[in-house]
Amino acid sequence: MNARATEDPLDRLAPPEEFSNDWADVLDRAGVHESGAAALAWRRRKWLLVAAIVAAVVVPVAAAALAVTNWDGWWSSGGLVHSRAVTEPVVVQTGTWDGKRWQLVAYRESVSNLDGYCYSVMPFGSSATARPAGGHMCGGFISRPPDAPAGPAGINYGATKSPGLPYWAAGPVVDTATEVALYFRDGDVLRLPTYPVPESFGHVRFYATPVPEVPQSSGRAAVKVVGLDERGTVVACAALDPASASC
């Protein structure tokens, strides 16, 4: 085979030349003379530029990771060793009490292999992942038939206050409960709707309501909380004051 037949015609018109990098020549044309202290300064500037580019990429990613993970465990009080978050906090429901907007925030946690929930009623617009400025509740939760002899009764109750909001009560209830009935010592009954949660929370719904901030001995103190399904059947019950009420 003719060797010239394998040559690129452009090579015959412009024969290739040997090429080598001449960094010093490039710097000289740019007015930078790489020698002595000036060379060291130039190299330092190059490395600072590289570091700045790396920082610009890494820092936002790290900040985003912290935003997702730093809340973990902030709500749990008592330093439970085996407590860990299973979901991120989410806004379950929003509303208005006495002209003040609120939001119910909750997340699912695991405490020694027991499912539980942490929740708080916050001023509307509060960061869901920030530690609540006011009160919050955390506790285990197990669904069971109301006639079971012992154990959690498929509904939890917690009452406390948050800045700028009325004293409130809230808690999780089995997901078959579409309504919660709150019984008071003086015989009054307050009926509340329940709110759905993300599927990752499990078989549960939530409720929330303002309640009077009174001693347990007061007639306006809550003594029992009951979960009712859409037919009005009791599906969960907890006696808050067993001396005054039972399930």
C-alpha atoms as a PDB file:
ATOM      1  CA  MET A   1       0.000   0.000   0.000  1.00  0.00           C
ATOM      2  CA  ASN A   2       1.275   3.461  -0.828  1.00  0.00           C
ATOM      3  CA  ALA A   3       2.208   5.185   2.446  1.00  0.00           C
ATOM      4  CA  ARG A   4       1.216   8.569   1.070  1.00  0.00           C
ATOM      5  CA  ALA A   5      -2.350   7.300   0.506  1.00  0.00           C
ATOM      6  CA  THR A   6      -2.778   7.071   4.297  1.00  0.00           C
ATOM      7  CA  GLU A   7      -1.636  10.610   4.905  1.00  0.00           C
ATOM      8  CA  ASP A   8      -4.057  13.407   5.661  1.00  0.00           C
ATOM      9  CA  PRO A   9      -4.034  15.846   2.704  1.00  0.00           C
ATOM     10  CA  LEU A  10      -3.935  18.695   5.218  1.00  0.00           C
ATOM     11  CA  ASP A  11      -0.638  17.334   6.533  1.00  0.00           C
ATOM     12  CA  ARG A  12       0.907  17.823   3.107  1.00  0.00           C
ATOM     13  CA  LEU A  13      -0.358  21.409   2.942  1.00  0.00           C
ATOM     14  CA  ALA A  14       0.619  22.270   6.526  1.00  0.00           C
ATOM     15  CA  PRO A  15       3.123  19.777   7.927  1.00  0.00           C
ATOM     16  CA  PRO A  16       2.655  19.195  11.695  1.00  0.00           C
ATOM     17  CA  GLU A  17       5.145  20.862  13.977  1.00  0.00           C
ATOM     18  CA  GLU A  18       6.456  19.733  17.300  1.00  0.00           C
ATOM     19  CA  PHE A  19       4.538  21.441  20.157  1.00  0.00           C
ATOM     20  CA  SER A  20       5.526  21.979  23.740  1.00  0.00           C
ATOM     21  CA  ASN A  21       3.904  23.956  26.563  1.00  0.00           C
ATOM     22  CA  ASP A  22       5.776  27.171  27.318  1.00  0.00           C
ATOM     23  CA  TRP A  23       4.058  28.494  30.468  1.00  0.00           C
ATOM     24  CA  ALA A  24       6.788  31.050  31.045  1.00  0.00           C
ATOM     25  CA  ASP A  25       6.143  32.534  27.586  1.00  0.00           C
ATOM     26  CA  VAL A  26       2.415  32.763  28.299  1.00  0.00           C
ATOM     27  CA  LEU A  27       3.065  34.572  31.577  1.00  0.00           C
ATOM     28  CA  ASP A  28       5.584  36.871  29.929  1.00  0.00           C
ATOM     29  CA  ARG A  29       3.036  37.959  27.308  1.00  0.00           C
ATOM     30  CA  ALA A  30       0.514  38.586  30.082  1.00  0.00           C
ATOM     31  CA  GLY A  31       2.988  40.804  31.887  1.00  0.00           C
ATOM     32  CA  VAL A  32       3.540  38.328  34.715  1.00  0.00           C
ATOM     33  CA  HIS A  33       7.142  37.393  35.414  1.00  0.00           C
ATOM     34  CA  GLU A  34       7.290  34.136  37.358  1.00  0.00           C
ATOM     35  CA  SER A  35      10.472  34.446  39.340  1.00  0.00           C
ATOM     36  CA  GLY A  36      11.311  34.735  43.009  1.00  0.00           C
ATOM     37  CA  ALA A  37       8.665  36.244  45.309  1.00  0.00           C
ATOM     38  CA  ALA A  38       6.463  37.180  42.374  1.00  0.00           C
ATOM     39  CA  ALA A  39       6.314  33.540  41.284  1.00  0.00           C
ATOM     40  CA  LEU A  40       5.363  32.468  44.791  1.00  0.00           C
ATOM     41  CA  ALA A  41       2.613  35.122  44.937  1.00  0.00           C
ATOM     42  CA  TRP A  42       1.296  34.027  41.564  1.00  0.00           C
ATOM     43  CA  ARG A  43       1.104  30.394  42.645  1.00  0.00           C
ATOM     44  CA  ARG A  44      -0.594  31.455  45.870  1.00  0.00           C
ATOM     45  CA  ARG A  45      -3.194  33.435  43.918  1.00  0.00           C
ATOM     46  CA  LYS A  46      -3.851  30.407  41.694  1.00  0.00           C
ATOM     47  CA  TRP A  47      -4.427  28.158  44.708  1.00  0.00           C
ATOM     48  CA  LEU A  48      -6.633  30.745  46.434  1.00  0.00           C
ATOM     49  CA  LEU A  49      -8.742  30.945  43.291  1.00  0.00           C
ATOM     50  CA  VAL A  50      -9.116  27.161  43.229  1.00  0.00           C
ATOM     51  CA  ALA A  51      -9.986  27.125  46.940  1.00  0.00           C
ATOM     52  CA  ALA A  52     -12.612  29.836  46.440  1.00  0.00           C
ATOM     53  CA  ILE A  53     -14.231  27.853  43.631  1.00  0.00           C
ATOM     54  CA  VAL A  54     -14.276  24.688  45.756  1.00  0.00           C
ATOM     55  CA  ALA A  55     -15.718  26.601  48.727  1.00  0.00           C
ATOM     56  CA  ALA A  56     -18.429  28.110  46.550  1.00  0.00           C
ATOM     57  CA  VAL A  57     -19.509  24.594  45.578  1.00  0.00           C
ATOM     58  CA  VAL A  58     -19.079  22.813  48.919  1.00  0.00           C
ATOM     59  CA  VAL A  59     -20.444  25.345  51.421  1.00  0.00           C
ATOM     60  CA  PRO A  60     -24.001  25.610  50.029  1.00  0.00           C
ATOM     61  CA  VAL A  61     -24.231  21.811  49.857  1.00  0.00           C
ATOM     62  CA  ALA A  62     -23.090  21.511  53.460  1.00  0.00           C
ATOM     63  CA  ALA A  63     -25.529  24.215  54.537  1.00  0.00           C
ATOM     64  CA  ALA A  64     -28.369  22.392  52.812  1.00  0.00           C
ATOM     65  CA  ALA A  65     -27.405  19.156  54.564  1.00  0.00           C
ATOM     66  CA  LEU A  66     -27.368  20.918  57.941  1.00  0.00           C
ATOM     67  CA  ALA A  67     -30.777  22.430  57.256  1.00  0.00           C
ATOM     68  CA  VAL A  68     -32.191  18.933  56.801  1.00  0.00           C
ATOM     69  CA  THR A  69     -30.414  17.146  59.649  1.00  0.00           C
ATOM     70  CA  ASN A  70     -29.800  19.666  62.440  1.00  0.00           C
ATOM     71  CA  TRP A  71     -33.384  19.593  63.744  1.00  0.00           C
ATOM     72  CA  ASP A  72     -33.128  15.876  64.538  1.00  0.00           C
ATOM     73  CA  GLY A  73     -33.682  15.347  68.258  1.00  0.00           C
ATOM     74  CA  TRP A  74     -34.188  19.033  69.131  1.00  0.00           C
ATOM     75  CA  TRP A  75     -37.783  18.497  70.240  1.00  0.00           C
ATOM     76  CA  SER A  76     -37.251  15.394  72.364  1.00  0.00           C
ATOM     77  CA  SER A  77     -36.808  16.363  75.985  1.00  0.00           C
ATOM     78  CA  GLY A  78     -35.292  14.081  78.573  1.00  0.00           C
ATOM     79  CA  GLY A  79     -32.279  12.928  76.561  1.00  0.00           C
ATOM     80  CA  LEU A  80     -33.686   9.552  75.523  1.00  0.00           C
ATOM     81  CA  VAL A  81     -30.711   7.537  74.279  1.00  0.00           C
ATOM     82  CA  HIS A  82     -32.690   5.415  71.846  1.00  0.00           C
ATOM     83  CA  SER A  83     -34.871   8.227  70.485  1.00  0.00           C
ATOM     84  CA  ARG A  84     -34.483   8.983  66.804  1.00  0.00           C
ATOM     85  CA  ALA A  85     -36.571  10.813  64.226  1.00  0.00           C
ATOM     86  CA  VAL A  86     -38.222   8.687  61.556  1.00  0.00           C
ATOM     87  CA  THR A  87     -39.695  11.545  59.501  1.00  0.00           C
ATOM     88  CA  GLU A  88     -39.046  15.259  59.132  1.00  0.00           C
ATOM     89  CA  PRO A  89     -41.389  17.712  60.871  1.00  0.00           C
ATOM     90  CA  VAL A  90     -44.344  18.745  58.718  1.00  0.00           C
ATOM     91  CA  VAL A  91     -47.184  21.232  59.049  1.00  0.00           C
ATOM     92  CA  VAL A  92     -50.219  19.009  59.661  1.00  0.00           C
ATOM     93  CA  GLN A  93     -52.872  21.732  59.879  1.00  0.00           C
ATOM     94  CA  THR A  94     -53.298  25.494  60.077  1.00  0.00           C
ATOM     95  CA  GLY A  95     -56.117  27.602  61.474  1.00  0.00           C
ATOM     96  CA  THR A  96     -57.127  30.641  63.511  1.00  0.00           C
ATOM     97  CA  TRP A  97     -57.938  30.865  67.234  1.00  0.00           C
ATOM     98  CA  ASP A  98     -59.187  34.164  68.660  1.00  0.00           C
ATOM     99  CA  GLY A  99     -57.916  35.932  65.554  1.00  0.00           C
ATOM    100  CA  LYS A 100     -54.434  34.406  65.875  1.00  0.00           C
ATOM    101  CA  ARG A 101     -53.183  32.089  63.160  1.00  0.00           C
ATOM    102  CA  TRP A 102     -51.552  28.825  64.171  1.00  0.00           C
ATOM    103  CA  GLN A 103     -50.032  25.703  62.682  1.00  0.00           C
ATOM    104  CA  LEU A 104     -49.832  22.181  64.068  1.00  0.00           C
ATOM    105  CA  VAL A 105     -46.398  20.686  63.384  1.00  0.00           C
ATOM    106  CA  ALA A 106     -45.484  17.058  64.054  1.00  0.00           C
ATOM    107  CA  TYR A 107     -42.998  14.335  63.237  1.00  0.00           C
ATOM    108  CA  ARG A 108     -42.725  10.624  63.887  1.00  0.00           C
ATOM    109  CA  GLU A 109     -39.989   9.222  66.102  1.00  0.00           C
ATOM    110  CA  SER A 110     -38.841   5.866  67.375  1.00  0.00           C
ATOM    111  CA  VAL A 111     -38.174   5.410  71.101  1.00  0.00           C
ATOM    112  CA  SER A 112     -36.648   2.035  71.979  1.00  0.00           C
ATOM    113  CA  ASN A 113     -38.430   0.466  68.982  1.00  0.00           C
ATOM    114  CA  LEU A 114     -41.747   2.045  69.999  1.00  0.00           C
ATOM    115  CA  ASP A 115     -43.440   4.403  67.559  1.00  0.00           C
ATOM    116  CA  GLY A 116     -44.027   7.857  68.957  1.00  0.00           C
ATOM    117  CA  TYR A 117     -44.721  11.414  67.874  1.00  0.00           C
ATOM    118  CA  CYS A 118     -43.495  14.878  68.764  1.00  0.00           C
ATOM    119  CA  TYR A 119     -45.840  17.779  68.077  1.00  0.00           C
ATOM    120  CA  SER A 120     -46.395  21.444  68.817  1.00  0.00           C
ATOM    121  CA  VAL A 121     -48.846  24.211  67.954  1.00  0.00           C
ATOM    122  CA  MET A 122     -46.808  27.191  66.743  1.00  0.00           C
ATOM    123  CA  PRO A 123     -47.570  30.672  65.456  1.00  0.00           C
ATOM    124  CA  PHE A 124     -48.403  30.474  61.755  1.00  0.00           C
ATOM    125  CA  GLY A 125     -45.364  30.748  59.505  1.00  0.00           C
ATOM    126  CA  SER A 126     -42.877  29.373  62.046  1.00  0.00           C
ATOM    127  CA  SER A 127     -40.142  27.145  60.659  1.00  0.00           C
ATOM    128  CA  ALA A 128     -41.281  23.536  60.962  1.00  0.00           C
ATOM    129  CA  THR A 129     -37.713  22.330  61.588  1.00  0.00           C
ATOM    130  CA  ALA A 130     -36.828  24.936  64.229  1.00  0.00           C
ATOM    131  CA  ARG A 131     -37.066  24.133  67.920  1.00  0.00           C
ATOM    132  CA  PRO A 132     -40.475  25.402  69.090  1.00  0.00           C
ATOM    133  CA  ALA A 133     -40.272  28.644  71.061  1.00  0.00           C
ATOM    134  CA  GLY A 134     -43.100  27.409  73.288  1.00  0.00           C
ATOM    135  CA  GLY A 135     -44.276  24.061  74.524  1.00  0.00           C
ATOM    136  CA  HIS A 136     -44.200  20.774  72.669  1.00  0.00           C
ATOM    137  CA  MET A 137     -45.025  17.152  73.411  1.00  0.00           C
ATOM    138  CA  CYS A 138     -43.264  13.863  72.680  1.00  0.00           C
ATOM    139  CA  GLY A 139     -44.440  10.395  73.576  1.00  0.00           C
ATOM    140  CA  GLY A 140     -44.951   6.796  72.582  1.00  0.00           C
ATOM    141  CA  PHE A 141     -48.082   5.734  70.777  1.00  0.00           C
ATOM    142  CA  ILE A 142     -49.614   2.287  70.239  1.00  0.00           C
ATOM    143  CA  SER A 143     -52.996   1.563  68.689  1.00  0.00           C
ATOM    144  CA  ARG A 144     -55.160  -0.884  70.641  1.00  0.00           C
ATOM    145  CA  PRO A 145     -58.858  -1.733  70.999  1.00  0.00           C
ATOM    146  CA  PRO A 146     -60.616   0.342  73.682  1.00  0.00           C
ATOM    147  CA  ASP A 147     -61.414  -2.814  75.680  1.00  0.00           C
ATOM    148  CA  ALA A 148     -57.767  -3.938  75.936  1.00  0.00           C
ATOM    149  CA  PRO A 149     -56.776  -4.398  79.591  1.00  0.00           C
ATOM    150  CA  ALA A 150     -53.657  -2.218  79.550  1.00  0.00           C
ATOM    151  CA  GLY A 151     -51.396  -0.028  77.463  1.00  0.00           C
ATOM    152  CA  PRO A 152     -51.829   3.182  75.477  1.00  0.00           C
ATOM    153  CA  ALA A 153     -55.395   3.633  74.308  1.00  0.00           C
ATOM    154  CA  GLY A 154     -54.905   4.698  70.702  1.00  0.00           C
ATOM    155  CA  ILE A 155     -54.960   8.400  71.572  1.00  0.00           C
ATOM    156  CA  ASN A 156     -52.574  10.813  73.310  1.00  0.00           C
ATOM    157  CA  TYR A 157     -53.280  14.164  74.922  1.00  0.00           C
ATOM    158  CA  GLY A 158     -50.914  17.014  75.687  1.00  0.00           C
ATOM    159  CA  ALA A 159     -51.667  20.583  76.802  1.00  0.00           C
ATOM    160  CA  THR A 160     -49.307  23.549  77.053  1.00  0.00           C
ATOM    161  CA  LYS A 161     -48.790  27.046  75.649  1.00  0.00           C
ATOM    162  CA  SER A 162     -46.896  28.763  72.849  1.00  0.00           C
ATOM    163  CA  PRO A 163     -46.001  32.473  72.549  1.00  0.00           C
ATOM    164  CA  GLY A 164     -48.841  34.579  71.197  1.00  0.00           C
ATOM    165  CA  LEU A 165     -51.367  31.709  71.115  1.00  0.00           C
ATOM    166  CA  PRO A 166     -54.092  30.509  73.491  1.00  0.00           C
ATOM    167  CA  TYR A 167     -53.330  27.598  75.810  1.00  0.00           C
ATOM    168  CA  TRP A 168     -53.773  24.530  73.625  1.00  0.00           C
ATOM    169  CA  ALA A 169     -54.265  20.769  73.650  1.00  0.00           C
ATOM    170  CA  ALA A 170     -53.328  18.390  70.852  1.00  0.00           C
ATOM    171  CA  GLY A 171     -52.285  14.843  70.141  1.00  0.00           C
ATOM    172  CA  PRO A 172     -52.301  11.826  67.832  1.00  0.00           C
ATOM    173  CA  VAL A 173     -55.197   9.373  67.517  1.00  0.00           C
ATOM    174  CA  VAL A 174     -55.745   6.188  65.501  1.00  0.00           C
ATOM    175  CA  ASP A 175     -56.513   6.906  61.862  1.00  0.00           C
ATOM    176  CA  THR A 176     -60.010   5.382  62.121  1.00  0.00           C
ATOM    177  CA  ALA A 177     -61.019   8.323  64.333  1.00  0.00           C
ATOM    178  CA  THR A 178     -62.573  11.110  62.295  1.00  0.00           C
ATOM    179  CA  GLU A 179     -63.589  13.010  65.430  1.00  0.00           C
ATOM    180  CA  VAL A 180     -62.289  13.539  68.969  1.00  0.00           C
ATOM    181  CA  ALA A 181     -64.494  14.247  71.966  1.00  0.00           C
ATOM    182  CA  LEU A 182     -62.878  16.078  74.894  1.00  0.00           C
ATOM    183  CA  TYR A 183     -64.744  15.656  78.201  1.00  0.00           C
ATOM    184  CA  PHE A 184     -64.465  18.256  80.989  1.00  0.00           C
ATOM    185  CA  ARG A 185     -65.044  17.876  84.692  1.00  0.00           C
ATOM    186  CA  ASP A 186     -68.162  20.053  84.633  1.00  0.00           C
ATOM    187  CA  GLY A 187     -69.820  17.743  82.081  1.00  0.00           C
ATOM    188  CA  ASP A 188     -69.154  19.800  78.943  1.00  0.00           C
ATOM    189  CA  VAL A 189     -67.992  17.935  75.832  1.00  0.00           C
ATOM    190  CA  LEU A 190     -65.972  19.534  73.036  1.00  0.00           C
ATOM    191  CA  ARG A 191     -66.029  17.768  69.673  1.00  0.00           C
ATOM    192  CA  LEU A 192     -63.099  18.254  67.313  1.00  0.00           C
ATOM    193  CA  PRO A 193     -62.200  17.142  63.791  1.00  0.00           C
ATOM    194  CA  THR A 194     -59.074  15.084  63.189  1.00  0.00           C
ATOM    195  CA  TYR A 195     -56.443  15.915  60.574  1.00  0.00           C
ATOM    196  CA  PRO A 196     -54.683  13.574  58.136  1.00  0.00           C
ATOM    197  CA  VAL A 197     -50.896  13.233  58.052  1.00  0.00           C
ATOM    198  CA  PRO A 198     -48.373  11.977  55.468  1.00  0.00           C
ATOM    199  CA  GLU A 199     -48.414   8.232  54.855  1.00  0.00           C
ATOM    200  CA  SER A 200     -44.939   7.949  56.385  1.00  0.00           C
ATOM    201  CA  PHE A 201     -46.442   8.796  59.791  1.00  0.00           C
ATOM    202  CA  GLY A 202     -48.290   5.482  59.934  1.00  0.00           C
ATOM    203  CA  HIS A 203     -51.902   4.816  60.928  1.00  0.00           C
ATOM    204  CA  VAL A 204     -52.562   8.025  62.807  1.00  0.00           C
ATOM    205  CA  ARG A 205     -54.340  11.372  62.618  1.00  0.00           C
ATOM    206  CA  PHE A 206     -54.027  14.506  64.785  1.00  0.00           C
ATOM    207  CA  TYR A 207     -56.318  16.938  66.580  1.00  0.00           C
ATOM    208  CA  ALA A 208     -55.728  20.358  68.160  1.00  0.00           C
ATOM    209  CA  THR A 209     -57.843  22.848  70.107  1.00  0.00           C
ATOM    210  CA  PRO A 210     -57.548  25.771  72.533  1.00  0.00           C
ATOM    211  CA  VAL A 211     -58.460  24.781  76.106  1.00  0.00           C
ATOM    212  CA  PRO A 212     -58.782  26.702  79.388  1.00  0.00           C
ATOM    213  CA  GLU A 213     -55.531  27.033  81.322  1.00  0.00           C
ATOM    214  CA  VAL A 214     -56.856  25.863  84.698  1.00  0.00           C
ATOM    215  CA  PRO A 215     -55.805  23.540  87.556  1.00  0.00           C
ATOM    216  CA  GLN A 216     -56.759  19.879  87.196  1.00  0.00           C
ATOM    217  CA  SER A 217     -59.249  20.319  90.042  1.00  0.00           C
ATOM    218  CA  SER A 218     -61.165  23.007  88.128  1.00  0.00           C
ATOM    219  CA  GLY A 219     -64.501  22.199  86.542  1.00  0.00           C
ATOM    220  CA  ARG A 220     -63.052  23.383  83.221  1.00  0.00           C
ATOM    221  CA  ALA A 221     -60.224  20.812  83.315  1.00  0.00           C
ATOM    222  CA  ALA A 222     -60.270  18.016  80.733  1.00  0.00           C
ATOM    223  CA  VAL A 223     -60.743  14.559  82.272  1.00  0.00           C
ATOM    224  CA  LYS A 224     -61.108  12.246  79.251  1.00  0.00           C
ATOM    225  CA  VAL A 225     -60.355  12.240  75.526  1.00  0.00           C
ATOM    226  CA  VAL A 226     -62.109   9.879  73.123  1.00  0.00           C
ATOM    227  CA  GLY A 227     -61.646   9.064  69.434  1.00  0.00           C
ATOM    228  CA  LEU A 228     -64.780   8.336  67.372  1.00  0.00           C
ATOM    229  CA  ASP A 229     -65.081   6.890  63.892  1.00  0.00           C
ATOM    230  CA  GLU A 230     -67.461   8.149  61.203  1.00  0.00           C
ATOM    231  CA  ARG A 231     -70.333   6.106  62.714  1.00  0.00           C
ATOM    232  CA  GLY A 232     -69.768   7.541  66.184  1.00  0.00           C
ATOM    233  CA  THR A 233     -68.210   4.349  67.553  1.00  0.00           C
ATOM    234  CA  VAL A 234     -65.484   4.761  70.165  1.00  0.00           C
ATOM    235  CA  VAL A 235     -62.181   3.603  68.649  1.00  0.00           C
ATOM    236  CA  ALA A 236     -59.770   5.174  71.159  1.00  0.00           C
ATOM    237  CA  CYS A 237     -60.000   6.476  74.719  1.00  0.00           C
ATOM    238  CA  ALA A 238     -57.707   7.839  77.424  1.00  0.00           C
ATOM    239  CA  ALA A 239     -58.710   8.903  80.934  1.00  0.00           C
ATOM    240  CA  LEU A 240     -56.757  12.060  81.807  1.00  0.00           C
ATOM    241  CA  ASP A 241     -57.992  11.982  85.401  1.00  0.00           C
ATOM    242  CA  PRO A 242     -58.880   8.356  86.295  1.00  0.00           C
ATOM    243  CA  ALA A 243     -60.449   9.501  89.578  1.00  0.00           C
ATOM    244  CA  SER A 244     -63.056  11.474  87.628  1.00  0.00           C
ATOM    245  CA  ALA A 245     -63.513   9.574  84.365  1.00  0.00           C
ATOM    246  CA  SER A 246     -62.875   6.157  82.871  1.00  0.00           C
ATOM    247  CA  CYS A 247     -62.881   4.621  79.397  1.00  0.00           C
END
